[in-house]
Amino acid sequence: MDIFWTVLAGVSVFVLGQMAIQFLIEPFRDYRDLVGRIAHATVFYQNVTDSPGLRSPATVDEGMKVMRGLAAELPQRAYAIPAYRFFATIRLLPKLADIQSASSSLIGYSNSLDNSHADLSRISRDVATKLRFVSRT
């Protein structure tokens, strides 16, 4: 009978661990991955306005779609994290207002890609500040 309880306890610990991974760790990891993709995209598409020779309608369209997609995905990933407000309160994650602001800034970035006079560096810094990553622009 002791073997049964040992196996049951082991299975219970495994199941609880998998639940913690699925519901807490994976959404947080997905959010951090998205922030990394945003950091990459803000630098990658900077040259669209900075280098007129690299500016083509296809590049501008691609950049606009990518940035708008990231802007739409950002609140979705944040809301997928259980107890997000708690983690934001203890400063492990940005406030939801900062997430919304960063998402709006990414939409502005997307809209500004076809404007050669746009200040994408300022928008990139704003997004980096809101999402707490280091901007290289």
Protein backbone atom coordinates (compact mmCIF):
# COMPACT_ATOMS: atom_id res chain seq x y z
CA MET A 1 0.00 0.00 0.00
CA ASP A 2 2.94 2.35 0.61
CA ILE A 3 3.96 2.01 -3.04
CA PHE A 4 0.49 3.18 -4.12
CA TRP A 5 0.69 6.35 -1.99
CA THR A 6 4.24 7.06 -3.18
CA VAL A 7 3.20 6.74 -6.82
CA LEU A 8 0.06 8.81 -6.22
CA ALA A 9 2.10 11.56 -4.54
CA GLY A 10 4.63 11.53 -7.39
CA VAL A 11 1.93 11.74 -10.05
CA SER A 12 0.20 14.56 -8.14
CA VAL A 13 3.39 16.58 -7.91
CA PHE A 14 4.04 16.03 -11.61
CA VAL A 15 0.50 17.11 -12.58
CA LEU A 16 0.64 20.22 -10.39
CA GLY A 17 4.04 21.11 -11.84
CA GLN A 18 2.74 20.76 -15.39
CA MET A 19 -0.26 22.95 -14.54
CA ALA A 20 2.06 25.63 -13.17
CA ILE A 21 4.15 25.49 -16.33
CA GLN A 22 1.12 25.66 -18.63
CA PHE A 23 -0.77 28.41 -16.85
CA LEU A 24 1.97 30.59 -15.38
CA ILE A 25 5.36 30.08 -16.96
CA GLU A 26 4.44 29.63 -20.64
CA PRO A 27 2.29 32.79 -20.90
CA PHE A 28 5.08 34.80 -19.25
CA ARG A 29 7.67 33.28 -21.59
CA ASP A 30 5.44 34.01 -24.62
CA TYR A 31 5.10 37.63 -23.46
CA ARG A 32 8.89 38.01 -23.07
CA ASP A 33 9.40 36.46 -26.50
CA LEU A 34 6.99 39.01 -27.98
CA VAL A 35 8.84 41.89 -26.28
CA GLY A 36 12.04 40.55 -27.88
CA ARG A 37 10.39 40.47 -31.30
CA ILE A 38 9.20 44.06 -30.78
CA ALA A 39 12.73 45.15 -29.84
CA HIS A 40 14.05 43.46 -32.98
CA ALA A 41 11.40 44.94 -35.27
CA THR A 42 11.83 48.52 -34.03
CA VAL A 43 15.53 48.36 -34.94
CA PHE A 44 15.07 46.31 -38.12
CA TYR A 45 12.51 48.65 -39.71
CA GLN A 46 14.28 51.84 -38.59
CA ASN A 47 16.19 51.87 -41.88
CA VAL A 48 12.96 52.24 -43.87
CA THR A 49 12.84 55.95 -43.05
CA ASP A 50 16.54 56.50 -42.32
CA SER A 51 17.84 55.12 -45.64
CA PRO A 52 15.88 56.37 -48.66
CA GLY A 53 17.74 53.92 -50.93
CA LEU A 54 16.38 50.97 -48.96
CA ARG A 55 12.85 52.34 -49.02
CA SER A 56 10.60 50.37 -51.32
CA PRO A 57 6.82 50.03 -51.29
CA ALA A 58 7.18 46.31 -50.49
CA THR A 59 9.46 47.00 -47.51
CA VAL A 60 7.16 49.71 -46.20
CA ASP A 61 4.09 47.46 -46.54
CA GLU A 62 5.86 44.56 -44.85
CA GLY A 63 7.02 46.79 -41.99
CA MET A 64 3.57 48.27 -41.52
CA LYS A 65 1.98 44.81 -41.32
CA VAL A 66 4.63 43.46 -38.94
CA MET A 67 4.46 46.45 -36.58
CA ARG A 68 0.65 46.50 -36.54
CA GLY A 69 0.61 42.75 -35.87
CA LEU A 70 2.99 43.19 -32.94
CA ALA A 71 0.85 46.07 -31.64
CA ALA A 72 -2.23 43.85 -31.72
CA GLU A 73 -0.48 40.88 -30.13
CA LEU A 74 1.00 42.84 -27.21
CA PRO A 75 -2.20 43.33 -25.14
CA GLN A 76 -3.31 39.79 -26.00
CA ARG A 77 -0.09 38.29 -24.57
CA ALA A 78 -0.31 40.49 -21.47
CA TYR A 79 -3.92 39.53 -20.77
CA ALA A 80 -3.01 35.83 -21.14
CA ILE A 81 -0.78 36.03 -18.04
CA PRO A 82 -2.76 35.00 -14.93
CA ALA A 83 -2.65 37.59 -12.13
CA TYR A 84 -1.04 40.14 -14.45
CA ARG A 85 -2.05 43.07 -12.24
CA PHE A 86 -0.36 41.43 -9.24
CA PHE A 87 2.89 40.95 -11.19
CA ALA A 88 2.65 44.54 -12.42
CA THR A 89 2.09 45.79 -8.85
CA ILE A 90 5.29 44.11 -7.67
CA ARG A 91 7.03 45.50 -10.78
CA LEU A 92 7.81 42.21 -12.48
CA LEU A 93 5.80 43.36 -15.49
CA PRO A 94 4.83 46.76 -16.90
CA LYS A 95 1.48 48.25 -15.93
CA LEU A 96 -1.43 47.50 -18.24
CA ALA A 97 -1.62 51.22 -19.07
CA ASP A 98 2.00 51.01 -20.29
CA ILE A 99 1.11 47.97 -22.39
CA GLN A 100 -1.75 49.89 -24.02
CA SER A 101 0.48 52.93 -24.54
CA ALA A 102 3.24 50.81 -26.10
CA SER A 103 0.67 49.15 -28.36
CA SER A 104 -0.57 52.58 -29.48
CA SER A 105 3.01 53.69 -30.10
CA LEU A 106 3.63 50.60 -32.24
CA ILE A 107 0.56 51.49 -34.30
CA GLY A 108 2.01 55.01 -34.67
CA TYR A 109 5.32 53.42 -35.72
CA SER A 110 3.45 51.37 -38.31
CA ASN A 111 1.62 54.42 -39.64
CA SER A 112 4.86 56.42 -39.78
CA LEU A 113 6.84 53.96 -41.88
CA ASP A 114 5.63 55.56 -45.10
CA ASN A 115 6.65 59.03 -43.87
CA SER A 116 10.31 59.86 -44.53
CA HIS A 117 10.18 62.65 -41.91
CA ALA A 118 8.88 60.47 -39.09
CA ASP A 119 10.88 60.27 -35.89
CA LEU A 120 10.93 56.51 -35.44
CA SER A 121 13.78 56.79 -32.94
CA ARG A 122 11.53 58.65 -30.53
CA ILE A 123 8.74 56.12 -30.96
CA SER A 124 11.22 53.25 -30.46
CA ARG A 125 12.50 54.82 -27.24
CA ASP A 126 8.94 55.31 -26.01
CA VAL A 127 8.10 51.64 -26.65
CA ALA A 128 11.37 50.52 -25.03
CA THR A 129 10.64 52.62 -21.95
CA LYS A 130 7.09 51.32 -21.61
CA LEU A 131 8.09 47.67 -22.10
CA ARG A 132 11.36 47.98 -20.17
CA PHE A 133 13.90 46.89 -22.74
CA VAL A 134 17.03 48.65 -23.93
CA SER A 135 16.56 50.52 -27.20
CA ARG A 136 19.50 50.66 -29.60
CA THR A 137 18.05 53.54 -31.62
